[in-house]
Amino acid sequence: MTTLPTQVPTVGDDITPTFTACTAADKFAATGGKYILYYKSGASGAVAQIYALNPASAPAGTAPAAGTGGTNWADLRLAVAIGATTDAVCVIPDVSPYLDATGFVNLKHNGTLTTVTVHVLGPL
């Protein structure tokens, strides 16, 4: 698991992404607000699904099944697939439901991550 750095954009400044290699389970520190995740997939990478994990327990009774590649019924699917040599932008409109007890948003990346990288912007 990699702890991803975040960049807080400021008005009037250019944004130069600094990409970090993805692993199956990464996380980034957050306090609330909107975050943008900018993914680059190289020639030997292909992401099957990306999720922001929701730490909530399943409700009493019958709970819906987790989405394909997810772990919890309330996980936020950020992307269904990102093919090789492709860029993608994913948005978490409000990270509050996805913060764990230590103030991190945990991500689950499924697929071939050999050359997949990400840059995290936020909070916005």
N, C-alpha and C. Protein backbone atom coordinates (compact mmCIF):
# COMPACT_ATOMS: atom_id res chain seq x y z
N MET A 1 0.85 -1.18 0.00
CA MET A 1 0.00 0.00 0.00
C MET A 1 0.89 1.23 0.00
N THR A 2 0.56 2.15 -0.88
CA THR A 2 1.29 3.40 -0.98
C THR A 2 0.43 4.53 -0.45
N THR A 3 1.03 5.43 0.34
CA THR A 3 0.34 6.65 0.74
C THR A 3 0.64 7.69 -0.33
N LEU A 4 -0.40 8.10 -1.04
CA LEU A 4 -0.25 9.03 -2.16
C LEU A 4 -0.18 10.46 -1.66
N PRO A 5 0.72 11.27 -2.22
CA PRO A 5 0.74 12.69 -1.87
C PRO A 5 -0.44 13.40 -2.53
N THR A 6 -0.88 14.49 -1.95
CA THR A 6 -1.94 15.31 -2.55
C THR A 6 -1.38 16.69 -2.85
N GLN A 7 -1.95 17.33 -3.84
CA GLN A 7 -1.57 18.69 -4.20
C GLN A 7 -2.80 19.57 -4.08
N VAL A 8 -2.68 20.65 -3.32
CA VAL A 8 -3.77 21.60 -3.18
C VAL A 8 -3.53 22.72 -4.19
N PRO A 9 -4.39 22.80 -5.21
CA PRO A 9 -4.19 23.85 -6.22
C PRO A 9 -4.54 25.23 -5.64
N THR A 10 -3.80 26.24 -6.07
CA THR A 10 -4.10 27.61 -5.67
C THR A 10 -4.45 28.43 -6.90
N VAL A 11 -5.27 29.42 -6.72
CA VAL A 11 -5.74 30.26 -7.82
C VAL A 11 -4.56 30.93 -8.50
N GLY A 12 -4.54 30.85 -9.80
CA GLY A 12 -3.50 31.51 -10.59
C GLY A 12 -2.24 30.70 -10.78
N ASP A 13 -2.11 29.56 -10.09
CA ASP A 13 -0.92 28.73 -10.24
C ASP A 13 -1.17 27.62 -11.26
N ASP A 14 -0.15 27.32 -12.04
CA ASP A 14 -0.22 26.18 -12.94
C ASP A 14 -0.12 24.90 -12.12
N ILE A 15 -0.73 23.84 -12.60
CA ILE A 15 -0.66 22.55 -11.94
C ILE A 15 0.23 21.65 -12.78
N THR A 16 1.32 21.20 -12.16
CA THR A 16 2.21 20.25 -12.81
C THR A 16 2.08 18.94 -12.06
N PRO A 17 1.39 17.96 -12.63
CA PRO A 17 1.18 16.70 -11.92
C PRO A 17 2.49 15.98 -11.60
N THR A 18 2.54 15.40 -10.42
CA THR A 18 3.61 14.51 -10.01
C THR A 18 2.97 13.16 -9.79
N PHE A 19 3.26 12.21 -10.66
CA PHE A 19 2.57 10.93 -10.65
C PHE A 19 3.28 9.93 -9.74
N THR A 20 2.47 9.11 -9.06
CA THR A 20 2.96 8.06 -8.17
C THR A 20 2.44 6.73 -8.70
N ALA A 21 3.29 5.72 -8.69
CA ALA A 21 2.89 4.38 -9.16
C ALA A 21 1.76 3.84 -8.30
N CYS A 22 0.77 3.24 -8.95
CA CYS A 22 -0.38 2.65 -8.25
C CYS A 22 -0.05 1.23 -7.80
N THR A 23 -0.65 0.84 -6.68
CA THR A 23 -0.63 -0.54 -6.23
C THR A 23 -2.09 -0.97 -6.09
N ALA A 24 -2.31 -2.21 -5.73
CA ALA A 24 -3.69 -2.69 -5.61
C ALA A 24 -4.46 -1.92 -4.54
N ALA A 25 -3.77 -1.46 -3.48
CA ALA A 25 -4.43 -0.73 -2.40
C ALA A 25 -3.58 0.48 -2.04
N ASP A 26 -4.07 1.68 -2.35
CA ASP A 26 -3.38 2.92 -2.03
C ASP A 26 -4.30 3.77 -1.16
N LYS A 27 -3.73 4.82 -0.57
CA LYS A 27 -4.54 5.72 0.26
C LYS A 27 -3.97 7.13 0.17
N PHE A 28 -4.82 8.11 0.51
CA PHE A 28 -4.34 9.48 0.62
C PHE A 28 -5.05 10.16 1.78
N ALA A 29 -4.32 11.06 2.44
CA ALA A 29 -4.88 11.80 3.57
C ALA A 29 -5.86 12.84 3.06
N ALA A 30 -6.96 13.00 3.77
CA ALA A 30 -7.98 13.97 3.36
C ALA A 30 -8.69 14.51 4.60
N THR A 31 -9.28 15.68 4.44
CA THR A 31 -10.03 16.28 5.54
C THR A 31 -11.47 16.56 5.18
N GLY A 32 -11.83 16.36 3.95
CA GLY A 32 -13.16 16.65 3.44
C GLY A 32 -13.02 17.40 2.13
N GLY A 33 -14.12 17.58 1.44
CA GLY A 33 -14.10 18.30 0.18
C GLY A 33 -14.01 17.39 -1.03
N LYS A 34 -13.83 18.03 -2.18
CA LYS A 34 -13.76 17.32 -3.46
C LYS A 34 -12.30 17.03 -3.79
N TYR A 35 -12.05 15.85 -4.37
CA TYR A 35 -10.72 15.45 -4.81
C TYR A 35 -10.80 14.95 -6.24
N ILE A 36 -9.74 15.25 -7.00
CA ILE A 36 -9.62 14.80 -8.38
C ILE A 36 -8.43 13.86 -8.46
N LEU A 37 -8.62 12.70 -9.07
CA LEU A 37 -7.56 11.72 -9.26
C LEU A 37 -7.29 11.61 -10.75
N TYR A 38 -6.06 11.93 -11.15
CA TYR A 38 -5.68 11.92 -12.55
C TYR A 38 -4.78 10.70 -12.77
N TYR A 39 -5.28 9.75 -13.56
CA TYR A 39 -4.57 8.49 -13.82
C TYR A 39 -3.94 8.50 -15.21
N LYS A 40 -2.75 7.90 -15.30
CA LYS A 40 -2.08 7.66 -16.58
C LYS A 40 -1.76 6.17 -16.63
N SER A 41 -2.17 5.53 -17.70
CA SER A 41 -1.91 4.11 -17.87
C SER A 41 -0.92 3.95 -19.02
N GLY A 42 0.22 3.34 -18.73
CA GLY A 42 1.25 3.15 -19.75
C GLY A 42 0.94 1.99 -20.67
N ALA A 43 1.90 1.63 -21.48
CA ALA A 43 1.71 0.60 -22.50
C ALA A 43 1.40 -0.78 -21.92
N SER A 44 1.87 -1.06 -20.69
CA SER A 44 1.61 -2.39 -20.14
C SER A 44 0.66 -2.34 -18.94
N GLY A 45 -0.15 -1.30 -18.86
CA GLY A 45 -1.09 -1.20 -17.75
C GLY A 45 -2.52 -1.13 -18.24
N ALA A 46 -3.42 -1.70 -17.48
CA ALA A 46 -4.85 -1.61 -17.79
C ALA A 46 -5.61 -1.82 -16.48
N VAL A 47 -6.38 -0.82 -16.10
CA VAL A 47 -7.13 -0.88 -14.85
C VAL A 47 -8.51 -1.46 -15.13
N ALA A 48 -8.91 -2.44 -14.33
CA ALA A 48 -10.23 -3.04 -14.49
C ALA A 48 -11.30 -2.22 -13.77
N GLN A 49 -11.09 -1.90 -12.51
CA GLN A 49 -12.00 -1.03 -11.76
C GLN A 49 -11.19 -0.26 -10.72
N ILE A 50 -11.70 0.93 -10.36
CA ILE A 50 -11.11 1.72 -9.27
C ILE A 50 -12.24 2.06 -8.30
N TYR A 51 -11.99 1.85 -7.01
CA TYR A 51 -12.97 2.16 -5.99
C TYR A 51 -12.36 3.02 -4.90
N ALA A 52 -13.15 3.95 -4.36
CA ALA A 52 -12.87 4.59 -3.07
C ALA A 52 -13.68 3.77 -2.08
N LEU A 53 -13.01 3.21 -1.09
CA LEU A 53 -13.67 2.29 -0.17
C LEU A 53 -14.42 3.03 0.93
N ASN A 54 -15.63 2.59 1.20
CA ASN A 54 -16.45 3.16 2.26
C ASN A 54 -16.32 2.28 3.49
N PRO A 55 -15.87 2.85 4.62
CA PRO A 55 -15.66 2.03 5.81
C PRO A 55 -16.94 1.69 6.57
N ALA A 56 -18.10 2.09 6.07
CA ALA A 56 -19.36 1.83 6.77
C ALA A 56 -19.67 0.35 6.86
N SER A 57 -20.27 -0.04 7.95
CA SER A 57 -20.73 -1.42 8.10
C SER A 57 -22.02 -1.60 7.32
N ALA A 58 -22.26 -2.82 6.90
CA ALA A 58 -23.50 -3.10 6.18
C ALA A 58 -24.69 -2.88 7.11
N PRO A 59 -25.79 -2.37 6.60
CA PRO A 59 -26.97 -2.17 7.44
C PRO A 59 -27.55 -3.51 7.89
N ALA A 60 -28.33 -3.44 8.93
CA ALA A 60 -29.00 -4.66 9.42
C ALA A 60 -29.94 -5.19 8.33
N GLY A 61 -30.08 -6.49 8.28
CA GLY A 61 -30.95 -7.10 7.28
C GLY A 61 -30.17 -7.39 6.02
N THR A 62 -30.85 -7.37 4.91
CA THR A 62 -30.24 -7.69 3.64
C THR A 62 -29.54 -6.47 3.08
N ALA A 63 -28.25 -6.59 2.79
CA ALA A 63 -27.49 -5.49 2.20
C ALA A 63 -27.21 -5.81 0.74
N PRO A 64 -27.15 -4.79 -0.10
CA PRO A 64 -26.81 -5.04 -1.50
C PRO A 64 -25.40 -5.62 -1.61
N ALA A 65 -25.14 -6.32 -2.66
CA ALA A 65 -23.81 -6.88 -2.90
C ALA A 65 -22.84 -5.77 -3.30
N ALA A 66 -21.57 -5.99 -3.03
CA ALA A 66 -20.54 -5.05 -3.48
C ALA A 66 -20.47 -5.10 -5.00
N GLY A 67 -20.10 -3.98 -5.61
CA GLY A 67 -19.92 -3.94 -7.05
C GLY A 67 -18.76 -4.83 -7.47
N THR A 68 -18.72 -5.22 -8.72
CA THR A 68 -17.65 -6.06 -9.24
C THR A 68 -16.30 -5.40 -8.95
N GLY A 69 -15.46 -6.10 -8.21
CA GLY A 69 -14.14 -5.57 -7.86
C GLY A 69 -14.13 -4.76 -6.59
N GLY A 70 -15.29 -4.47 -6.01
CA GLY A 70 -15.37 -3.71 -4.77
C GLY A 70 -15.35 -4.62 -3.56
N THR A 71 -15.39 -4.03 -2.37
CA THR A 71 -15.37 -4.82 -1.14
C THR A 71 -16.60 -4.59 -0.28
N ASN A 72 -17.33 -3.51 -0.51
CA ASN A 72 -18.43 -3.12 0.35
C ASN A 72 -19.57 -2.59 -0.52
N TRP A 73 -20.77 -2.77 -0.08
CA TRP A 73 -21.93 -2.29 -0.84
C TRP A 73 -21.91 -0.79 -1.07
N ALA A 74 -21.23 -0.03 -0.19
CA ALA A 74 -21.25 1.43 -0.28
C ALA A 74 -19.97 2.02 -0.88
N ASP A 75 -19.10 1.19 -1.47
CA ASP A 75 -17.89 1.71 -2.11
C ASP A 75 -18.27 2.57 -3.31
N LEU A 76 -17.46 3.58 -3.59
CA LEU A 76 -17.68 4.46 -4.73
C LEU A 76 -16.84 3.98 -5.90
N ARG A 77 -17.50 3.52 -6.96
CA ARG A 77 -16.76 3.12 -8.16
C ARG A 77 -16.37 4.37 -8.92
N LEU A 78 -15.06 4.57 -9.05
CA LEU A 78 -14.54 5.76 -9.73
C LEU A 78 -14.34 5.53 -11.22
N ALA A 79 -14.02 4.30 -11.59
CA ALA A 79 -13.81 3.98 -13.01
C ALA A 79 -14.10 2.51 -13.23
N VAL A 80 -14.71 2.21 -14.36
CA VAL A 80 -14.96 0.83 -14.75
C VAL A 80 -13.70 0.25 -15.37
N ALA A 81 -13.02 1.01 -16.21
CA ALA A 81 -11.80 0.53 -16.85
C ALA A 81 -11.01 1.71 -17.39
N ILE A 82 -9.69 1.55 -17.36
CA ILE A 82 -8.78 2.50 -18.00
C ILE A 82 -7.81 1.64 -18.80
N GLY A 83 -7.88 1.75 -20.10
CA GLY A 83 -7.06 0.91 -20.96
C GLY A 83 -5.61 1.35 -21.01
N ALA A 84 -4.78 0.55 -21.63
CA ALA A 84 -3.37 0.87 -21.82
C ALA A 84 -3.23 2.16 -22.62
N THR A 85 -2.19 2.90 -22.35
CA THR A 85 -1.85 4.17 -23.00
C THR A 85 -3.01 5.18 -22.96
N THR A 86 -3.72 5.21 -21.85
CA THR A 86 -4.88 6.09 -21.71
C THR A 86 -4.76 6.92 -20.43
N ASP A 87 -5.24 8.16 -20.48
CA ASP A 87 -5.37 9.00 -19.29
C ASP A 87 -6.83 8.99 -18.87
N ALA A 88 -7.06 9.17 -17.58
CA ALA A 88 -8.43 9.25 -17.08
C ALA A 88 -8.46 10.15 -15.86
N VAL A 89 -9.57 10.85 -15.69
CA VAL A 89 -9.77 11.72 -14.53
C VAL A 89 -10.98 11.21 -13.77
N CYS A 90 -10.81 11.00 -12.47
CA CYS A 90 -11.89 10.53 -11.60
C CYS A 90 -12.13 11.59 -10.52
N VAL A 91 -13.38 11.79 -10.16
CA VAL A 91 -13.72 12.82 -9.17
C VAL A 91 -14.45 12.17 -8.00
N ILE A 92 -14.02 12.53 -6.80
CA ILE A 92 -14.76 12.17 -5.59
C ILE A 92 -15.37 13.49 -5.12
N PRO A 93 -16.69 13.69 -5.33
CA PRO A 93 -17.32 14.98 -5.04
C PRO A 93 -17.26 15.38 -3.57
N ASP A 94 -17.28 14.41 -2.68
CA ASP A 94 -17.19 14.66 -1.24
C ASP A 94 -16.56 13.42 -0.61
N VAL A 95 -15.34 13.57 -0.08
CA VAL A 95 -14.64 12.40 0.47
C VAL A 95 -15.14 11.99 1.84
N SER A 96 -15.98 12.78 2.47
CA SER A 96 -16.41 12.50 3.85
C SER A 96 -16.88 11.06 4.08
N PRO A 97 -17.74 10.49 3.24
CA PRO A 97 -18.18 9.12 3.49
C PRO A 97 -17.09 8.06 3.33
N TYR A 98 -15.96 8.45 2.73
CA TYR A 98 -14.91 7.48 2.42
C TYR A 98 -13.69 7.61 3.33
N LEU A 99 -13.75 8.50 4.31
CA LEU A 99 -12.65 8.67 5.26
C LEU A 99 -12.67 7.54 6.28
N ASP A 100 -11.51 6.93 6.50
CA ASP A 100 -11.44 5.91 7.54
C ASP A 100 -11.16 6.59 8.89
N ALA A 101 -11.02 5.82 9.93
CA ALA A 101 -10.85 6.35 11.29
C ALA A 101 -9.55 7.14 11.45
N THR A 102 -8.59 6.96 10.55
CA THR A 102 -7.32 7.67 10.66
C THR A 102 -7.21 8.85 9.69
N GLY A 103 -8.30 9.20 8.98
CA GLY A 103 -8.31 10.35 8.08
C GLY A 103 -7.78 10.09 6.69
N PHE A 104 -7.84 8.84 6.25
CA PHE A 104 -7.39 8.49 4.91
C PHE A 104 -8.56 8.00 4.07
N VAL A 105 -8.46 8.23 2.75
CA VAL A 105 -9.34 7.63 1.78
C VAL A 105 -8.57 6.45 1.19
N ASN A 106 -9.13 5.26 1.32
CA ASN A 106 -8.49 4.05 0.82
C ASN A 106 -9.03 3.73 -0.57
N LEU A 107 -8.10 3.47 -1.48
CA LEU A 107 -8.45 3.17 -2.87
C LEU A 107 -8.15 1.71 -3.17
N LYS A 108 -8.97 1.11 -4.02
CA LYS A 108 -8.73 -0.25 -4.48
C LYS A 108 -8.61 -0.20 -5.99
N HIS A 109 -7.44 -0.61 -6.50
CA HIS A 109 -7.17 -0.64 -7.94
C HIS A 109 -7.13 -2.10 -8.38
N ASN A 110 -7.96 -2.45 -9.32
CA ASN A 110 -8.00 -3.81 -9.87
C ASN A 110 -7.45 -3.78 -11.28
N GLY A 111 -6.70 -4.81 -11.65
CA GLY A 111 -6.20 -4.91 -13.01
C GLY A 111 -4.70 -5.06 -13.05
N THR A 112 -4.13 -4.80 -14.22
CA THR A 112 -2.68 -4.86 -14.42
C THR A 112 -2.12 -3.47 -14.21
N LEU A 113 -1.44 -3.28 -13.09
CA LEU A 113 -1.02 -1.94 -12.67
C LEU A 113 0.44 -1.63 -12.95
N THR A 114 1.09 -2.44 -13.77
CA THR A 114 2.53 -2.33 -14.01
C THR A 114 2.97 -0.89 -14.30
N THR A 115 2.27 -0.19 -15.16
CA THR A 115 2.67 1.16 -15.55
C THR A 115 1.57 2.19 -15.29
N VAL A 116 0.72 1.94 -14.29
CA VAL A 116 -0.36 2.86 -13.98
C VAL A 116 0.09 3.79 -12.86
N THR A 117 -0.10 5.10 -13.06
CA THR A 117 0.28 6.11 -12.08
C THR A 117 -0.90 7.03 -11.81
N VAL A 118 -0.84 7.77 -10.68
CA VAL A 118 -1.94 8.67 -10.32
C VAL A 118 -1.37 9.93 -9.67
N HIS A 119 -2.10 11.02 -9.85
CA HIS A 119 -1.83 12.30 -9.19
C HIS A 119 -3.12 12.72 -8.51
N VAL A 120 -3.06 13.09 -7.23
CA VAL A 120 -4.25 13.44 -6.45
C VAL A 120 -4.26 14.95 -6.20
N LEU A 121 -5.35 15.61 -6.60
CA LEU A 121 -5.55 17.04 -6.36
C LEU A 121 -6.66 17.24 -5.36
N GLY A 122 -6.44 18.08 -4.37
CA GLY A 122 -7.50 18.39 -3.42
C GLY A 122 -6.95 18.76 -2.07
N PRO A 123 -7.82 19.26 -1.23
CA PRO A 123 -9.26 19.43 -1.46
C PRO A 123 -9.54 20.65 -2.32
N LEU A 124 -10.64 20.58 -3.03
CA LEU A 124 -11.07 21.69 -3.90
C LEU A 124 -12.29 22.35 -3.31
